[in-house]
Amino acid sequence: MKMIFAVVADRFIRNLVDELMDVGISVTEISSTGGFLSQGNTTIVIGVKEEKMAILDKVFTKVITKKKDDPKESGAHFFAVDLEQGLHI
């Protein structure tokens, strides 16, 4: 099991959350601020089984795009942490 923390540019968050929900991946949104993406952002938290990581990667790759005027700018920073146990109560 993985715990995913992703800091996502606000311009992508609605489409990303909708796409994740469409493939059965639940998301928790946390309002966040800071200079990490040098723009408005939202942090999402996702608990996902290993076998869904490929689906998660496909959704992020589909939704998050580079700005044409600044191809080096990132639209999301994604962190995956291994979990020993996850409970859904």
PDB file of N, CA and C in Angstrom:
ATOM      1  N   MET A   1       0.843  -1.169   0.000  1.00  0.00           N
ATOM      2  CA  MET A   1       0.000   0.000   0.000  1.00  0.00           C
ATOM      3  C   MET A   1       0.892   1.237   0.000  1.00  0.00           C
ATOM      4  N   LYS A   2       0.426   2.270  -0.697  1.00  0.00           N
ATOM      5  CA  LYS A   2       1.160   3.529  -0.790  1.00  0.00           C
ATOM      6  C   LYS A   2       0.290   4.676  -0.295  1.00  0.00           C
ATOM      7  N   MET A   3       0.935   5.663   0.298  1.00  0.00           N
ATOM      8  CA  MET A   3       0.292   6.922   0.630  1.00  0.00           C
ATOM      9  C   MET A   3       0.906   7.948  -0.316  1.00  0.00           C
ATOM     10  N   ILE A   4       0.060   8.580  -1.090  1.00  0.00           N
ATOM     11  CA  ILE A   4       0.499   9.553  -2.081  1.00  0.00           C
ATOM     12  C   ILE A   4       0.183  10.955  -1.580  1.00  0.00           C
ATOM     13  N   PHE A   5       1.174  11.816  -1.647  1.00  0.00           N
ATOM     14  CA  PHE A   5       0.995  13.241  -1.398  1.00  0.00           C
ATOM     15  C   PHE A   5       1.376  13.932  -2.698  1.00  0.00           C
ATOM     16  N   ALA A   6       0.469  14.710  -3.249  1.00  0.00           N
ATOM     17  CA  ALA A   6       0.772  15.412  -4.489  1.00  0.00           C
ATOM     18  C   ALA A   6       0.370  16.872  -4.339  1.00  0.00           C
ATOM     19  N   VAL A   7       1.332  17.754  -4.598  1.00  0.00           N
ATOM     20  CA  VAL A   7       1.058  19.190  -4.617  1.00  0.00           C
ATOM     21  C   VAL A   7       0.770  19.518  -6.077  1.00  0.00           C
ATOM     22  N   VAL A   8      -0.458  19.957  -6.333  1.00  0.00           N
ATOM     23  CA  VAL A   8      -0.938  20.105  -7.710  1.00  0.00           C
ATOM     24  C   VAL A   8      -1.314  21.559  -7.974  1.00  0.00           C
ATOM     25  N   ALA A   9      -0.893  22.082  -9.110  1.00  0.00           N
ATOM     26  CA  ALA A   9      -1.278  23.431  -9.509  1.00  0.00           C
ATOM     27  C   ALA A   9      -2.799  23.503  -9.593  1.00  0.00           C
ATOM     28  N   ASP A  10      -3.353  24.587  -9.071  1.00  0.00           N
ATOM     29  CA  ASP A  10      -4.816  24.732  -9.030  1.00  0.00           C
ATOM     30  C   ASP A  10      -5.467  24.592 -10.402  1.00  0.00           C
ATOM     31  N   ARG A  11      -4.759  24.953 -11.461  1.00  0.00           N
ATOM     32  CA  ARG A  11      -5.369  24.868 -12.792  1.00  0.00           C
ATOM     33  C   ARG A  11      -5.672  23.423 -13.216  1.00  0.00           C
ATOM     34  N   PHE A  12      -5.085  22.439 -12.532  1.00  0.00           N
ATOM     35  CA  PHE A  12      -5.305  21.036 -12.874  1.00  0.00           C
ATOM     36  C   PHE A  12      -6.191  20.286 -11.891  1.00  0.00           C
ATOM     37  N   ILE A  13      -6.423  20.849 -10.715  1.00  0.00           N
ATOM     38  CA  ILE A  13      -6.973  20.064  -9.608  1.00  0.00           C
ATOM     39  C   ILE A  13      -8.362  19.503  -9.902  1.00  0.00           C
ATOM     40  N   ARG A  14      -9.260  20.283 -10.453  1.00  0.00           N
ATOM     41  CA  ARG A  14     -10.630  19.789 -10.706  1.00  0.00           C
ATOM     42  C   ARG A  14     -10.618  18.609 -11.674  1.00  0.00           C
ATOM     43  N   ASN A  15      -9.917  18.748 -12.793  1.00  0.00           N
ATOM     44  CA  ASN A  15      -9.852  17.647 -13.761  1.00  0.00           C
ATOM     45  C   ASN A  15      -9.179  16.419 -13.172  1.00  0.00           C
ATOM     46  N   LEU A  16      -8.121  16.638 -12.400  1.00  0.00           N
ATOM     47  CA  LEU A  16      -7.397  15.517 -11.803  1.00  0.00           C
ATOM     48  C   LEU A  16      -8.289  14.748 -10.835  1.00  0.00           C
ATOM     49  N   VAL A  17      -8.946  15.444  -9.935  1.00  0.00           N
ATOM     50  CA  VAL A  17      -9.817  14.784  -8.952  1.00  0.00           C
ATOM     51  C   VAL A  17     -10.960  14.059  -9.665  1.00  0.00           C
ATOM     52  N   ASP A  18     -11.556  14.688 -10.657  1.00  0.00           N
ATOM     53  CA  ASP A  18     -12.640  14.035 -11.414  1.00  0.00           C
ATOM     54  C   ASP A  18     -12.156  12.753 -12.094  1.00  0.00           C
ATOM     55  N   GLU A  19     -11.005  12.814 -12.740  1.00  0.00           N
ATOM     56  CA  GLU A  19     -10.449  11.632 -13.419  1.00  0.00           C
ATOM     57  C   GLU A  19     -10.113  10.517 -12.423  1.00  0.00           C
ATOM     58  N   LEU A  20      -9.545  10.882 -11.279  1.00  0.00           N
ATOM     59  CA  LEU A  20      -9.217   9.872 -10.267  1.00  0.00           C
ATOM     60  C   LEU A  20     -10.477   9.205  -9.733  1.00  0.00           C
ATOM     61  N   MET A  21     -11.503   9.994  -9.468  1.00  0.00           N
ATOM     62  CA  MET A  21     -12.767   9.439  -8.982  1.00  0.00           C
ATOM     63  C   MET A  21     -13.395   8.520 -10.043  1.00  0.00           C
ATOM     64  N   ASP A  22     -13.275   8.888 -11.313  1.00  0.00           N
ATOM     65  CA  ASP A  22     -13.816   8.069 -12.406  1.00  0.00           C
ATOM     66  C   ASP A  22     -13.194   6.676 -12.463  1.00  0.00           C
ATOM     67  N   VAL A  23     -11.919   6.558 -12.057  1.00  0.00           N
ATOM     68  CA  VAL A  23     -11.251   5.247 -12.073  1.00  0.00           C
ATOM     69  C   VAL A  23     -11.277   4.578 -10.703  1.00  0.00           C
ATOM     70  N   GLY A  24     -12.065   5.135  -9.775  1.00  0.00           N
ATOM     71  CA  GLY A  24     -12.261   4.495  -8.471  1.00  0.00           C
ATOM     72  C   GLY A  24     -11.193   4.776  -7.439  1.00  0.00           C
ATOM     73  N   ILE A  25     -10.455   5.872  -7.614  1.00  0.00           N
ATOM     74  CA  ILE A  25      -9.434   6.244  -6.638  1.00  0.00           C
ATOM     75  C   ILE A  25      -9.945   7.449  -5.847  1.00  0.00           C
ATOM     76  N   SER A  26     -10.115   7.265  -4.534  1.00  0.00           N
ATOM     77  CA  SER A  26     -10.602   8.333  -3.664  1.00  0.00           C
ATOM     78  C   SER A  26      -9.472   9.304  -3.341  1.00  0.00           C
ATOM     79  N   VAL A  27      -9.844  10.564  -3.191  1.00  0.00           N
ATOM     80  CA  VAL A  27      -8.875  11.636  -2.997  1.00  0.00           C
ATOM     81  C   VAL A  27      -9.330  12.534  -1.854  1.00  0.00           C
ATOM     82  N   THR A  28      -8.394  12.969  -1.031  1.00  0.00           N
ATOM     83  CA  THR A  28      -8.656  13.999  -0.033  1.00  0.00           C
ATOM     84  C   THR A  28      -7.877  15.241  -0.449  1.00  0.00           C
ATOM     85  N   GLU A  29      -8.576  16.373  -0.535  1.00  0.00           N
ATOM     86  CA  GLU A  29      -7.944  17.640  -0.908  1.00  0.00           C
ATOM     87  C   GLU A  29      -7.651  18.450   0.342  1.00  0.00           C
ATOM     88  N   ILE A  30      -6.463  19.057   0.371  1.00  0.00           N
ATOM     89  CA  ILE A  30      -6.054  19.928   1.466  1.00  0.00           C
ATOM     90  C   ILE A  30      -5.585  21.239   0.850  1.00  0.00           C
ATOM     91  N   SER A  31      -6.200  22.346   1.249  1.00  0.00           N
ATOM     92  CA  SER A  31      -5.736  23.644   0.764  1.00  0.00           C
ATOM     93  C   SER A  31      -4.312  23.857   1.250  1.00  0.00           C
ATOM     94  N   SER A  32      -3.462  24.346   0.364  1.00  0.00           N
ATOM     95  CA  SER A  32      -2.072  24.560   0.750  1.00  0.00           C
ATOM     96  C   SER A  32      -1.537  25.816   0.075  1.00  0.00           C
ATOM     97  N   THR A  33      -0.523  26.393   0.683  1.00  0.00           N
ATOM     98  CA  THR A  33       0.127  27.563   0.116  1.00  0.00           C
ATOM     99  C   THR A  33       1.629  27.363   0.201  1.00  0.00           C
ATOM    100  N   GLY A  34       2.332  28.142  -0.546  1.00  0.00           N
ATOM    101  CA  GLY A  34       3.785  28.057  -0.512  1.00  0.00           C
ATOM    102  C   GLY A  34       4.360  28.278  -1.894  1.00  0.00           C
ATOM    103  N   GLY A  35       5.658  28.307  -1.971  1.00  0.00           N
ATOM    104  CA  GLY A  35       6.335  28.592  -3.225  1.00  0.00           C
ATOM    105  C   GLY A  35       6.741  27.361  -4.002  1.00  0.00           C
ATOM    106  N   PHE A  36       6.259  26.199  -3.576  1.00  0.00           N
ATOM    107  CA  PHE A  36       6.707  24.948  -4.193  1.00  0.00           C
ATOM    108  C   PHE A  36       6.458  24.931  -5.699  1.00  0.00           C
ATOM    109  N   LEU A  37       5.282  25.379  -6.128  1.00  0.00           N
ATOM    110  CA  LEU A  37       4.985  25.445  -7.550  1.00  0.00           C
ATOM    111  C   LEU A  37       4.943  26.895  -8.046  1.00  0.00           C
ATOM    112  N   SER A  38       5.257  27.831  -7.177  1.00  0.00           N
ATOM    113  CA  SER A  38       5.244  29.257  -7.502  1.00  0.00           C
ATOM    114  C   SER A  38       3.908  29.706  -8.080  1.00  0.00           C
ATOM    115  N   GLN A  39       2.837  29.153  -7.577  1.00  0.00           N
ATOM    116  CA  GLN A  39       1.485  29.488  -8.029  1.00  0.00           C
ATOM    117  C   GLN A  39       0.491  28.904  -7.033  1.00  0.00           C
ATOM    118  N   GLY A  40      -0.811  29.165  -7.227  1.00  0.00           N
ATOM    119  CA  GLY A  40      -1.816  28.559  -6.368  1.00  0.00           C
ATOM    120  C   GLY A  40      -1.762  27.044  -6.492  1.00  0.00           C
ATOM    121  N   ASN A  41      -1.923  26.355  -5.374  1.00  0.00           N
ATOM    122  CA  ASN A  41      -1.867  24.894  -5.421  1.00  0.00           C
ATOM    123  C   ASN A  41      -2.763  24.270  -4.372  1.00  0.00           C
ATOM    124  N   THR A  42      -3.026  22.998  -4.564  1.00  0.00           N
ATOM    125  CA  THR A  42      -3.790  22.176  -3.643  1.00  0.00           C
ATOM    126  C   THR A  42      -2.995  20.898  -3.423  1.00  0.00           C
ATOM    127  N   THR A  43      -2.949  20.431  -2.188  1.00  0.00           N
ATOM    128  CA  THR A  43      -2.301  19.156  -1.896  1.00  0.00           C
ATOM    129  C   THR A  43      -3.376  18.086  -1.818  1.00  0.00           C
ATOM    130  N   ILE A  44      -3.149  16.980  -2.504  1.00  0.00           N
ATOM    131  CA  ILE A  44      -4.081  15.862  -2.410  1.00  0.00           C
ATOM    132  C   ILE A  44      -3.381  14.690  -1.747  1.00  0.00           C
ATOM    133  N   VAL A  45      -4.165  13.928  -1.009  1.00  0.00           N
ATOM    134  CA  VAL A  45      -3.671  12.747  -0.308  1.00  0.00           C
ATOM    135  C   VAL A  45      -4.483  11.558  -0.802  1.00  0.00           C
ATOM    136  N   ILE A  46      -3.766  10.490  -1.154  1.00  0.00           N
ATOM    137  CA  ILE A  46      -4.414   9.302  -1.722  1.00  0.00           C
ATOM    138  C   ILE A  46      -3.796   8.070  -1.071  1.00  0.00           C
ATOM    139  N   GLY A  47      -4.624   7.163  -0.601  1.00  0.00           N
ATOM    140  CA  GLY A  47      -4.168   5.851  -0.164  1.00  0.00           C
ATOM    141  C   GLY A  47      -4.523   4.865  -1.265  1.00  0.00           C
ATOM    142  N   VAL A  48      -3.524   4.145  -1.778  1.00  0.00           N
ATOM    143  CA  VAL A  48      -3.772   3.281  -2.934  1.00  0.00           C
ATOM    144  C   VAL A  48      -2.944   1.995  -2.831  1.00  0.00           C
ATOM    145  N   LYS A  49      -3.523   0.915  -3.307  1.00  0.00           N
ATOM    146  CA  LYS A  49      -2.797  -0.359  -3.353  1.00  0.00           C
ATOM    147  C   LYS A  49      -1.791  -0.326  -4.493  1.00  0.00           C
ATOM    148  N   GLU A  50      -0.719  -1.092  -4.334  1.00  0.00           N
ATOM    149  CA  GLU A  50       0.358  -1.148  -5.339  1.00  0.00           C
ATOM    150  C   GLU A  50      -0.169  -1.359  -6.760  1.00  0.00           C
ATOM    151  N   GLU A  51      -1.150  -2.233  -6.898  1.00  0.00           N
ATOM    152  CA  GLU A  51      -1.639  -2.565  -8.242  1.00  0.00           C
ATOM    153  C   GLU A  51      -2.358  -1.405  -8.933  1.00  0.00           C
ATOM    154  N   LYS A  52      -2.710  -0.356  -8.193  1.00  0.00           N
ATOM    155  CA  LYS A  52      -3.357   0.808  -8.803  1.00  0.00           C
ATOM    156  C   LYS A  52      -2.372   1.942  -9.119  1.00  0.00           C
ATOM    157  N   MET A  53      -1.100   1.740  -8.804  1.00  0.00           N
ATOM    158  CA  MET A  53      -0.110   2.789  -9.059  1.00  0.00           C
ATOM    159  C   MET A  53       0.012   3.103 -10.547  1.00  0.00           C
ATOM    160  N   ALA A  54      -0.075   2.099 -11.405  1.00  0.00           N
ATOM    161  CA  ALA A  54       0.025   2.340 -12.851  1.00  0.00           C
ATOM    162  C   ALA A  54      -1.152   3.192 -13.340  1.00  0.00           C
ATOM    163  N   ILE A  55      -2.345   2.928 -12.803  1.00  0.00           N
ATOM    164  CA  ILE A  55      -3.529   3.719 -13.166  1.00  0.00           C
ATOM    165  C   ILE A  55      -3.342   5.157 -12.689  1.00  0.00           C
ATOM    166  N   LEU A  56      -2.848   5.307 -11.481  1.00  0.00           N
ATOM    167  CA  LEU A  56      -2.603   6.633 -10.921  1.00  0.00           C
ATOM    168  C   LEU A  56      -1.621   7.412 -11.797  1.00  0.00           C
ATOM    169  N   ASP A  57      -0.554   6.760 -12.211  1.00  0.00           N
ATOM    170  CA  ASP A  57       0.449   7.378 -13.072  1.00  0.00           C
ATOM    171  C   ASP A  57      -0.170   7.824 -14.402  1.00  0.00           C
ATOM    172  N   LYS A  58      -1.012   6.973 -14.988  1.00  0.00           N
ATOM    173  CA  LYS A  58      -1.659   7.312 -16.257  1.00  0.00           C
ATOM    174  C   LYS A  58      -2.559   8.535 -16.125  1.00  0.00           C
ATOM    175  N   VAL A  59      -3.319   8.603 -15.032  1.00  0.00           N
ATOM    176  CA  VAL A  59      -4.224   9.741 -14.816  1.00  0.00           C
ATOM    177  C   VAL A  59      -3.414  11.024 -14.647  1.00  0.00           C
ATOM    178  N   PHE A  60      -2.376  10.994 -13.823  1.00  0.00           N
ATOM    179  CA  PHE A  60      -1.554  12.197 -13.624  1.00  0.00           C
ATOM    180  C   PHE A  60      -0.924  12.636 -14.946  1.00  0.00           C
ATOM    181  N   THR A  61      -0.404  11.699 -15.712  1.00  0.00           N
ATOM    182  CA  THR A  61       0.233  12.023 -16.987  1.00  0.00           C
ATOM    183  C   THR A  61      -0.777  12.597 -17.979  1.00  0.00           C
ATOM    184  N   LYS A  62      -1.988  12.097 -17.964  1.00  0.00           N
ATOM    185  CA  LYS A  62      -3.039  12.583 -18.865  1.00  0.00           C
ATOM    186  C   LYS A  62      -3.457  14.010 -18.517  1.00  0.00           C
ATOM    187  N   VAL A  63      -3.620  14.295 -17.227  1.00  0.00           N
ATOM    188  CA  VAL A  63      -4.198  15.569 -16.792  1.00  0.00           C
ATOM    189  C   VAL A  63      -3.157  16.686 -16.651  1.00  0.00           C
ATOM    190  N   ILE A  64      -1.995  16.359 -16.112  1.00  0.00           N
ATOM    191  CA  ILE A  64      -0.985  17.389 -15.836  1.00  0.00           C
ATOM    192  C   ILE A  64      -0.172  17.630 -17.106  1.00  0.00           C
ATOM    193  N   THR A  65      -0.217  18.854 -17.594  1.00  0.00           N
ATOM    194  CA  THR A  65       0.526  19.214 -18.804  1.00  0.00           C
ATOM    195  C   THR A  65       1.442  20.386 -18.509  1.00  0.00           C
ATOM    196  N   LYS A  66       2.424  20.555 -19.335  1.00  0.00           N
ATOM    197  CA  LYS A  66       3.357  21.673 -19.196  1.00  0.00           C
ATOM    198  C   LYS A  66       2.770  22.914 -19.860  1.00  0.00           C
ATOM    199  N   LYS A  67       3.123  24.080 -19.343  1.00  0.00           N
ATOM    200  CA  LYS A  67       2.741  25.321 -20.007  1.00  0.00           C
ATOM    201  C   LYS A  67       3.584  25.468 -21.272  1.00  0.00           C
ATOM    202  N   LYS A  68       2.959  25.835 -22.365  1.00  0.00           N
ATOM    203  CA  LYS A  68       3.689  25.979 -23.624  1.00  0.00           C
ATOM    204  C   LYS A  68       4.758  27.057 -23.555  1.00  0.00           C
ATOM    205  N   ASP A  69       4.496  28.129 -22.791  1.00  0.00           N
ATOM    206  CA  ASP A  69       5.471  29.217 -22.703  1.00  0.00           C
ATOM    207  C   ASP A  69       6.576  28.942 -21.688  1.00  0.00           C
ATOM    208  N   ASP A  70       6.456  27.895 -20.888  1.00  0.00           N
ATOM    209  CA  ASP A  70       7.474  27.548 -19.906  1.00  0.00           C
ATOM    210  C   ASP A  70       7.501  26.028 -19.722  1.00  0.00           C
ATOM    211  N   PRO A  71       8.086  25.300 -20.677  1.00  0.00           N
ATOM    212  CA  PRO A  71       8.048  23.829 -20.623  1.00  0.00           C
ATOM    213  C   PRO A  71       8.767  23.213 -19.434  1.00  0.00           C
ATOM    214  N   LYS A  72       9.591  23.995 -18.721  1.00  0.00           N
ATOM    215  CA  LYS A  72      10.283  23.464 -17.542  1.00  0.00           C
ATOM    216  C   LYS A  72       9.415  23.526 -16.300  1.00  0.00           C
ATOM    217  N   GLU A  73       8.341  24.314 -16.340  1.00  0.00           N
ATOM    218  CA  GLU A  73       7.473  24.473 -15.176  1.00  0.00           C
ATOM    219  C   GLU A  73       6.675  23.200 -14.918  1.00  0.00           C
ATOM    220  N   SER A  74       6.662  22.791 -13.685  1.00  0.00           N
ATOM    221  CA  SER A  74       5.933  21.583 -13.318  1.00  0.00           C
ATOM    222  C   SER A  74       4.507  21.924 -12.908  1.00  0.00           C
ATOM    223  N   GLY A  75       3.592  20.983 -13.141  1.00  0.00           N
ATOM    224  CA  GLY A  75       2.209  21.164 -12.736  1.00  0.00           C
ATOM    225  C   GLY A  75       1.873  20.407 -11.470  1.00  0.00           C
ATOM    226  N   ALA A  76       2.786  19.515 -11.032  1.00  0.00           N
ATOM    227  CA  ALA A  76       2.549  18.745  -9.817  1.00  0.00           C
ATOM    228  C   ALA A  76       3.863  18.166  -9.302  1.00  0.00           C
ATOM    229  N   HIS A  77       3.930  18.031  -7.999  1.00  0.00           N
ATOM    230  CA  HIS A  77       5.024  17.304  -7.354  1.00  0.00           C
ATOM    231  C   HIS A  77       4.368  16.150  -6.610  1.00  0.00           C
ATOM    232  N   PHE A  78       4.842  14.942  -6.850  1.00  0.00           N
ATOM    233  CA  PHE A  78       4.194  13.704  -6.444  1.00  0.00           C
ATOM    234  C   PHE A  78       5.139  12.935  -5.530  1.00  0.00           C
ATOM    235  N   PHE A  79       4.653  12.547  -4.351  1.00  0.00           N
ATOM    236  CA  PHE A  79       5.467  11.792  -3.394  1.00  0.00           C
ATOM    237  C   PHE A  79       4.718  10.523  -3.007  1.00  0.00           C
ATOM    238  N   ALA A  80       5.372   9.376  -3.095  1.00  0.00           N
ATOM    239  CA  ALA A  80       4.774   8.094  -2.719  1.00  0.00           C
ATOM    240  C   ALA A  80       5.537   7.523  -1.527  1.00  0.00           C
ATOM    241  N   VAL A  81       4.791   7.177  -0.485  1.00  0.00           N
ATOM    242  CA  VAL A  81       5.384   6.645   0.734  1.00  0.00           C
ATOM    243  C   VAL A  81       4.813   5.237   0.975  1.00  0.00           C
ATOM    244  N   ASP A  82       5.692   4.276   1.252  1.00  0.00           N
ATOM    245  CA  ASP A  82       5.236   2.927   1.563  1.00  0.00           C
ATOM    246  C   ASP A  82       4.524   2.900   2.905  1.00  0.00           C
ATOM    247  N   LEU A  83       3.412   2.177   2.972  1.00  0.00           N
ATOM    248  CA  LEU A  83       2.662   2.012   4.228  1.00  0.00           C
ATOM    249  C   LEU A  83       2.713   0.552   4.652  1.00  0.00           C
ATOM    250  N   GLU A  84       2.867   0.324   5.918  1.00  0.00           N
ATOM    251  CA  GLU A  84       2.784  -1.035   6.428  1.00  0.00           C
ATOM    252  C   GLU A  84       1.336  -1.446   6.568  1.00  0.00           C
ATOM    253  N   GLN A  85       0.476  -0.493   6.923  1.00  0.00           N
ATOM    254  CA  GLN A  85      -0.923  -0.824   7.137  1.00  0.00           C
ATOM    255  C   GLN A  85      -1.767   0.421   6.884  1.00  0.00           C
ATOM    256  N   GLY A  86      -2.919   0.200   6.270  1.00  0.00           N
ATOM    257  CA  GLY A  86      -3.879   1.265   6.082  1.00  0.00           C
ATOM    258  C   GLY A  86      -5.237   0.785   6.554  1.00  0.00           C
ATOM    259  N   LEU A  87      -5.931   1.593   7.316  1.00  0.00           N
ATOM    260  CA  LEU A  87      -7.265   1.225   7.806  1.00  0.00           C
ATOM    261  C   LEU A  87      -8.295   2.144   7.210  1.00  0.00           C
ATOM    262  N   HIS A  88      -9.409   1.578   6.796  1.00  0.00           N
ATOM    263  CA  HIS A  88     -10.544   2.360   6.316  1.00  0.00           C
ATOM    264  C   HIS A  88     -11.682   2.082   7.276  1.00  0.00           C
ATOM    265  N   ILE A  89     -11.951   3.031   8.154  1.00  0.00           N
ATOM    266  CA  ILE A  89     -12.932   2.808   9.226  1.00  0.00           C
ATOM    267  C   ILE A  89     -14.209   3.545   8.917  1.00  0.00           C
TER     268      ILE A  89
END
